[in-house]
């Protein structure tokens, strides 16, 4: 941004999210680490979409996903978190010159893995031909091949849209992910064999009848879009973790609260709590919803916080605690001089 540097904007947004006692309840002692390491990844230019991730039950932590529509300008090298930051953005920049809808960024684990190396996200969408070149440019040729193979397997089914390379996590998996629309979710809920067909095509075997039933229940109460994720390891093996993330559209505060407390979205939350995957902290996640404008002499900055995603995960076919993602964003409107 031009009216305010991205580090300051992020600090202001984070201050809102953690206010009123939400910080320690949702994120525990990891807030200080995020304040220290995340700003160096932001650089200048348009403010990225930033997602603050926390568990909905159990010990709190805070992981952060940073998604750029354009490579940032300047900023620190962040040599510990992303040793090849400039190389990544150079390759990323070449991709979006061809296709503006492409995006990418980083994921910083501060809780469950305590990684010193950030994960790398790249969203080619349907432009699969970009993947191998991107991976080759950052020295990760094998991951590009793994992604292409999964795209081939899932062709005509749940097609991948993006991936994450997690060099700092145990086993260094590739996370392959995409989107399922409401029509497909309802079709799967009425015909579970559709889900099994996808799993067989992907080579995913860590499921049972109960997991399939759980997924059908989730599909019935999910919003219009859901994100699915598989893990693939460098030897080509498919991990035992699978997840679905319900993705919610931006709404005003009063609409958001009404939907999650008493409206359609309350059915999704009810499942999480009934299954023991979430406690009452989901209320604090939802309460982060915010939109405000800061007027400045040269223009206005709008700050947004929104509970955009809730994730259900299975490990070895068994449900594990759910997670929530609060998206924070700052946009500016300059006064034309």
Protein backbone atom coordinates (compact mmCIF):
# COMPACT_ATOMS: atom_id res chain seq x y z
CA UNK A 1 0.00 0.00 0.00
CA UNK A 2 1.01 3.62 -0.42
CA UNK A 3 -0.93 5.25 2.42
CA UNK A 4 0.46 2.94 5.09
CA UNK A 5 3.20 0.33 5.14
CA UNK A 6 2.04 -3.28 5.28
CA UNK A 7 3.76 -4.01 8.57
CA UNK A 8 1.79 -1.29 10.33
CA UNK A 9 -1.47 -2.38 8.71
CA UNK A 10 -0.89 -5.98 9.82
CA UNK A 11 -0.09 -4.85 13.35
CA UNK A 12 -3.36 -2.91 13.52
CA UNK A 13 -5.39 -5.85 12.18
CA UNK A 14 -3.74 -8.31 14.56
CA UNK A 15 -4.43 -5.96 17.47
CA UNK A 16 -8.13 -6.06 16.63
CA UNK A 17 -8.27 -9.84 16.29
CA UNK A 18 -6.55 -10.48 19.63
CA UNK A 19 -8.45 -7.79 21.55
CA UNK A 20 -11.13 -8.40 24.19
CA UNK A 21 -9.35 -11.48 25.50
CA UNK A 22 -9.43 -13.38 22.22
CA UNK A 23 -5.67 -13.45 21.71
CA UNK A 24 -4.56 -15.83 24.46
CA UNK A 25 -7.75 -17.89 24.23
CA UNK A 26 -7.35 -18.55 20.50
CA UNK A 27 -3.61 -18.30 19.90
CA UNK A 28 -1.90 -18.89 23.24
CA UNK A 29 1.70 -17.74 23.55
CA UNK A 30 2.40 -17.72 19.81
CA UNK A 31 1.25 -14.16 19.15
CA UNK A 32 4.66 -12.69 19.96
CA UNK A 33 6.38 -15.02 17.52
CA UNK A 34 3.99 -13.98 14.74
CA UNK A 35 4.59 -10.31 15.50
CA UNK A 36 8.29 -10.95 15.10
CA UNK A 37 8.46 -13.14 11.99
CA UNK A 38 5.46 -12.36 9.77
CA UNK A 39 6.07 -8.63 9.03
CA UNK A 40 9.38 -9.45 7.32
CA UNK A 41 7.49 -11.52 4.75
CA UNK A 42 5.03 -8.78 3.74
CA UNK A 43 7.17 -6.27 1.85
CA UNK A 44 5.48 -3.40 0.04
CA UNK A 45 2.82 -3.19 -2.64
CA UNK A 46 -0.76 -4.48 -2.31
CA UNK A 47 -1.60 -5.94 1.09
CA UNK A 48 -1.86 -9.74 0.83
CA UNK A 49 -4.68 -11.90 2.15
CA UNK A 50 -3.49 -13.14 5.55
CA UNK A 51 -5.14 -16.06 7.35
CA UNK A 52 -4.71 -16.58 11.10
CA UNK A 53 -5.14 -20.27 11.90
CA UNK A 54 -6.02 -21.73 15.30
CA UNK A 55 -7.44 -24.97 16.71
CA UNK A 56 -11.04 -24.98 17.94
CA UNK A 57 -10.29 -27.29 20.87
CA UNK A 58 -7.21 -28.29 22.85
CA UNK A 59 -4.02 -26.25 23.29
CA UNK A 60 -4.13 -22.96 21.35
CA UNK A 61 -1.58 -22.00 18.70
CA UNK A 62 -1.30 -19.58 15.79
CA UNK A 63 -0.16 -20.48 12.29
CA UNK A 64 -0.27 -17.93 9.46
CA UNK A 65 -0.93 -18.20 5.71
CA UNK A 66 0.07 -15.23 3.52
CA UNK A 67 -1.37 -15.19 -0.01
CA UNK A 68 -0.07 -12.64 -2.56
CA UNK A 69 -1.85 -11.65 -5.76
CA UNK A 70 1.33 -9.86 -6.81
CA UNK A 71 4.92 -10.28 -5.62
CA UNK A 72 5.70 -7.80 -2.82
CA UNK A 73 8.07 -4.91 -3.37
CA UNK A 74 11.16 -4.82 -1.17
CA UNK A 75 10.92 -6.06 2.39
CA UNK A 76 13.32 -8.19 4.39
CA UNK A 77 14.93 -11.29 2.99
CA UNK A 78 13.50 -13.42 5.83
CA UNK A 79 16.50 -15.71 5.38
CA UNK A 80 15.54 -18.14 8.16
CA UNK A 81 11.88 -18.62 7.23
CA UNK A 82 12.32 -18.45 3.46
CA UNK A 83 15.97 -18.78 2.40
CA UNK A 84 15.03 -18.48 -1.29
CA UNK A 85 12.40 -15.75 -0.94
CA UNK A 86 13.60 -13.63 -3.88
CA UNK A 87 13.88 -16.67 -6.15
CA UNK A 88 10.34 -17.72 -5.26
CA UNK A 89 8.89 -14.30 -6.00
CA UNK A 90 10.83 -14.02 -9.26
CA UNK A 91 9.28 -17.27 -10.49
CA UNK A 92 5.89 -16.33 -9.09
CA UNK A 93 6.07 -12.95 -10.85
CA UNK A 94 6.68 -14.58 -14.23
CA UNK A 95 3.56 -16.72 -13.74
CA UNK A 96 1.22 -13.85 -12.94
CA UNK A 97 2.51 -11.85 -15.88
CA UNK A 98 0.90 -14.56 -18.00
CA UNK A 99 -2.19 -15.15 -15.85
CA UNK A 100 -3.28 -12.52 -13.28
CA UNK A 101 -5.52 -15.05 -11.49
CA UNK A 102 -2.48 -17.02 -10.31
CA UNK A 103 -1.40 -16.43 -6.71
CA UNK A 104 1.04 -17.73 -4.14
CA UNK A 105 2.66 -17.14 -0.80
CA UNK A 106 3.83 -18.72 2.45
CA UNK A 107 2.61 -20.62 5.47
CA UNK A 108 4.36 -20.07 8.78
CA UNK A 109 3.95 -22.81 11.40
CA UNK A 110 4.40 -21.44 14.90
CA UNK A 111 2.47 -24.08 16.82
CA UNK A 112 2.16 -27.71 15.88
CA UNK A 113 5.46 -28.09 14.01
CA UNK A 114 7.66 -25.18 15.18
CA UNK A 115 9.23 -25.17 11.72
CA UNK A 116 12.10 -22.80 10.92
CA UNK A 117 11.22 -22.92 7.22
CA UNK A 118 7.94 -21.52 5.88
CA UNK A 119 5.76 -23.58 3.59
CA UNK A 120 5.46 -22.37 0.00
CA UNK A 121 2.00 -21.97 -1.57
CA UNK A 122 1.35 -21.74 -5.30
CA UNK A 123 -2.10 -21.52 -6.90
CA UNK A 124 -1.93 -22.13 -10.65
CA UNK A 125 -5.69 -22.82 -10.84
CA UNK A 126 -6.28 -24.44 -14.23
CA UNK A 127 -2.87 -23.38 -15.58
CA UNK A 128 -1.18 -26.65 -14.67
CA UNK A 129 1.52 -26.04 -17.26
CA UNK A 130 3.04 -23.45 -14.91
CA UNK A 131 3.70 -25.90 -12.09
CA UNK A 132 6.79 -27.72 -13.27
CA UNK A 133 8.50 -24.49 -14.29
CA UNK A 134 7.75 -22.90 -10.92
CA UNK A 135 9.01 -25.92 -8.99
CA UNK A 136 12.13 -26.22 -11.15
CA UNK A 137 12.95 -22.54 -10.62
CA UNK A 138 12.92 -22.95 -6.83
CA UNK A 139 14.86 -26.22 -6.92
CA UNK A 140 11.90 -28.53 -6.19
CA UNK A 141 11.49 -30.45 -9.45
CA UNK A 142 10.14 -33.61 -7.79
CA UNK A 143 7.21 -31.75 -6.24
CA UNK A 144 6.15 -30.46 -9.63
CA UNK A 145 6.00 -34.01 -10.95
CA UNK A 146 4.02 -35.19 -7.92
CA UNK A 147 1.47 -32.41 -8.44
CA UNK A 148 1.12 -33.16 -12.14
CA UNK A 149 0.56 -36.83 -11.33
CA UNK A 150 -2.25 -36.03 -8.89
CA UNK A 151 -3.85 -33.69 -11.44
CA UNK A 152 -3.80 -36.57 -13.91
CA UNK A 153 -5.33 -38.99 -11.40
CA UNK A 154 -8.14 -36.63 -10.44
CA UNK A 155 -8.98 -35.41 -13.94
CA UNK A 156 -12.75 -35.07 -14.27
CA UNK A 157 -13.26 -35.52 -10.52
CA UNK A 158 -12.21 -33.10 -7.75
CA UNK A 159 -9.54 -31.28 -9.70
CA UNK A 160 -6.65 -29.63 -7.81
CA UNK A 161 -6.26 -25.86 -7.85
CA UNK A 162 -3.20 -25.20 -5.65
CA UNK A 163 -0.46 -26.83 -3.63
CA UNK A 164 1.80 -26.26 -0.66
CA UNK A 165 5.40 -27.43 -0.31
CA UNK A 166 6.25 -28.03 3.35
CA UNK A 167 9.99 -28.55 3.47
CA UNK A 168 10.10 -27.96 7.23
CA UNK A 169 7.46 -30.49 8.27
CA UNK A 170 8.16 -34.13 9.12
CA UNK A 171 8.42 -36.05 5.85
CA UNK A 172 8.34 -32.80 3.80
CA UNK A 173 4.90 -33.43 2.24
CA UNK A 174 3.30 -31.78 -0.78
CA UNK A 175 -0.24 -30.66 0.01
CA UNK A 176 -2.51 -30.88 -3.03
CA UNK A 177 -5.79 -29.01 -2.74
CA UNK A 178 -8.80 -27.82 -4.70
CA UNK A 179 -12.44 -26.80 -4.41
CA UNK A 180 -15.77 -28.62 -4.36
CA UNK A 181 -18.93 -26.67 -5.19
CA UNK A 182 -22.29 -27.15 -3.47
CA UNK A 183 -23.79 -29.14 -6.32
CA UNK A 184 -21.02 -31.72 -6.12
CA UNK A 185 -21.20 -31.82 -2.31
CA UNK A 186 -24.92 -32.61 -2.39
CA UNK A 187 -24.36 -35.21 -5.10
CA UNK A 188 -21.75 -36.89 -2.92
CA UNK A 189 -24.01 -36.75 0.13
CA UNK A 190 -26.73 -38.60 -1.78
CA UNK A 191 -24.29 -40.98 -3.48
CA UNK A 192 -21.22 -41.66 -1.25
CA UNK A 193 -19.70 -43.85 -3.96
CA UNK A 194 -18.68 -40.59 -5.65
CA UNK A 195 -16.37 -39.86 -2.71
CA UNK A 196 -14.91 -43.36 -2.77
CA UNK A 197 -14.26 -43.00 -6.51
CA UNK A 198 -12.22 -39.84 -5.84
CA UNK A 199 -10.25 -41.51 -3.05
CA UNK A 200 -9.45 -44.52 -5.22
CA UNK A 201 -8.31 -42.29 -8.06
CA UNK A 202 -6.09 -40.30 -5.70
CA UNK A 203 -4.63 -43.43 -4.13
CA UNK A 204 -5.95 -42.42 -0.71
CA UNK A 205 -6.74 -45.46 1.45
CA UNK A 206 -6.98 -44.08 5.00
CA UNK A 207 -10.78 -44.05 5.21
CA UNK A 208 -13.64 -46.22 6.42
CA UNK A 209 -17.44 -46.18 6.26
CA UNK A 210 -17.71 -43.89 9.29
CA UNK A 211 -15.44 -41.29 7.68
CA UNK A 212 -17.51 -41.37 4.50
CA UNK A 213 -20.68 -40.88 6.59
CA UNK A 214 -19.02 -37.95 8.40
CA UNK A 215 -18.14 -36.36 5.08
CA UNK A 216 -21.72 -36.69 3.82
CA UNK A 217 -22.97 -34.96 6.98
CA UNK A 218 -20.44 -32.14 6.50
CA UNK A 219 -21.37 -31.71 2.83
CA UNK A 220 -25.05 -31.27 3.72
CA UNK A 221 -24.37 -28.28 5.98
CA UNK A 222 -21.36 -26.71 4.22
CA UNK A 223 -21.54 -23.34 2.42
CA UNK A 224 -21.33 -23.02 -1.35
CA UNK A 225 -17.60 -23.85 -1.54
CA UNK A 226 -15.40 -26.33 0.28
CA UNK A 227 -11.65 -26.88 0.04
CA UNK A 228 -10.25 -30.45 0.01
CA UNK A 229 -6.63 -31.39 0.80
CA UNK A 230 -4.44 -34.49 0.36
CA UNK A 231 -0.80 -34.91 1.41
CA UNK A 232 1.72 -36.58 -0.90
CA UNK A 233 5.21 -37.52 0.27
CA UNK A 234 8.38 -37.35 -1.84
CA UNK A 235 8.30 -41.11 -2.44
CA UNK A 236 4.82 -40.73 -3.98
CA UNK A 237 2.96 -42.16 -1.00
CA UNK A 238 -0.36 -40.57 -0.04
CA UNK A 239 -0.54 -39.42 3.58
CA UNK A 240 -3.20 -40.55 6.02
CA UNK A 241 -4.51 -37.00 6.63
CA UNK A 242 -7.43 -35.63 4.62
CA UNK A 243 -9.33 -32.41 5.28
CA UNK A 244 -12.33 -30.36 4.17
CA UNK A 245 -12.52 -26.62 4.80
CA UNK A 246 -15.85 -24.80 4.65
CA UNK A 247 -15.25 -21.45 2.91
CA UNK A 248 -17.51 -18.52 3.77
CA UNK A 249 -18.14 -15.37 1.73
CA UNK A 250 -17.49 -11.95 3.26
CA UNK A 251 -20.53 -10.54 5.07
CA UNK A 252 -21.31 -7.66 7.39
CA UNK A 253 -20.87 -8.21 11.12
CA UNK A 254 -24.55 -8.52 11.99
CA UNK A 255 -25.17 -10.99 9.15
CA UNK A 256 -22.16 -13.09 10.14
CA UNK A 257 -23.15 -13.33 13.79
CA UNK A 258 -26.75 -14.17 12.93
CA UNK A 259 -25.69 -16.89 10.47
CA UNK A 260 -23.31 -18.65 12.86
CA UNK A 261 -25.43 -18.34 15.99
CA UNK A 262 -28.93 -18.98 14.64
CA UNK A 263 -28.80 -19.30 10.85
CA UNK A 264 -27.67 -21.90 8.33
CA UNK A 265 -24.02 -21.79 9.41
CA UNK A 266 -24.97 -22.84 12.93
CA UNK A 267 -25.65 -26.35 11.60
CA UNK A 268 -22.00 -26.72 10.62
CA UNK A 269 -20.81 -25.50 14.02
CA UNK A 270 -23.29 -27.82 15.72
CA UNK A 271 -21.68 -30.84 14.03
CA UNK A 272 -18.20 -29.79 15.15
CA UNK A 273 -19.29 -29.44 18.76
CA UNK A 274 -21.43 -32.60 18.70
CA UNK A 275 -18.46 -34.62 17.43
CA UNK A 276 -16.13 -33.15 20.06
CA UNK A 277 -14.02 -31.31 17.48
CA UNK A 278 -14.64 -27.81 18.85
CA UNK A 279 -15.48 -26.10 22.10
CA UNK A 280 -17.01 -22.66 22.67
CA UNK A 281 -14.00 -20.80 21.30
CA UNK A 282 -15.68 -20.80 17.87
CA UNK A 283 -17.71 -17.90 19.26
CA UNK A 284 -14.53 -15.89 19.76
CA UNK A 285 -13.43 -16.73 16.22
CA UNK A 286 -16.74 -15.51 14.80
CA UNK A 287 -16.60 -12.39 16.96
CA UNK A 288 -13.44 -11.23 15.16
CA UNK A 289 -15.60 -10.10 12.23
CA UNK A 290 -14.90 -6.43 11.59
CA UNK A 291 -14.84 -3.74 8.93
CA UNK A 292 -13.62 -0.22 9.55
CA UNK A 293 -12.22 2.69 7.58
CA UNK A 294 -9.33 4.92 8.59
CA UNK A 295 -9.50 8.33 6.83
CA UNK A 296 -6.13 9.86 5.99
CA UNK A 297 -5.27 13.12 4.18
CA UNK A 298 -4.40 11.30 0.95
CA UNK A 299 -7.16 8.68 1.05
CA UNK A 300 -8.88 5.97 3.10
CA UNK A 301 -7.76 2.55 4.32
CA UNK A 302 -10.38 -0.13 4.94
CA UNK A 303 -9.52 -2.87 7.43
CA UNK A 304 -11.35 -6.21 7.35
CA UNK A 305 -11.30 -9.26 9.61
CA UNK A 306 -13.53 -12.22 8.80
CA UNK A 307 -13.89 -15.87 9.95
CA UNK A 308 -13.52 -17.25 6.46
CA UNK A 309 -12.86 -20.98 6.92
CA UNK A 310 -13.48 -23.87 9.31
CA UNK A 311 -11.57 -27.09 8.70
CA UNK A 312 -12.58 -30.67 9.51
CA UNK A 313 -9.70 -33.18 9.43
CA UNK A 314 -9.31 -36.95 9.50
CA UNK A 315 -6.13 -38.84 10.33
CA UNK A 316 -6.18 -42.52 9.52
CA UNK A 317 -9.95 -42.24 8.99
CA UNK A 318 -10.53 -40.80 12.48
CA UNK A 319 -11.71 -37.27 13.21
CA UNK A 320 -9.20 -34.95 14.86
CA UNK A 321 -9.73 -31.43 16.32
CA UNK A 322 -11.01 -28.79 13.90
CA UNK A 323 -9.34 -25.51 12.99
CA UNK A 324 -10.53 -22.02 12.10
CA UNK A 325 -9.04 -19.36 9.80
CA UNK A 326 -9.59 -15.64 10.30
CA UNK A 327 -8.77 -13.63 7.17
CA UNK A 328 -7.38 -10.11 7.66
CA UNK A 329 -7.06 -7.61 4.84
CA UNK A 330 -6.29 -3.92 4.31
CA UNK A 331 -7.18 -2.02 1.14
CA UNK A 332 -6.68 1.61 0.26
CA UNK A 333 -8.58 4.16 -1.81
CA UNK A 334 -6.38 7.10 -2.69
CA UNK A 335 -7.67 10.59 -3.34
CA UNK A 336 -6.83 11.55 -6.92
CA UNK A 337 -4.67 14.66 -6.78
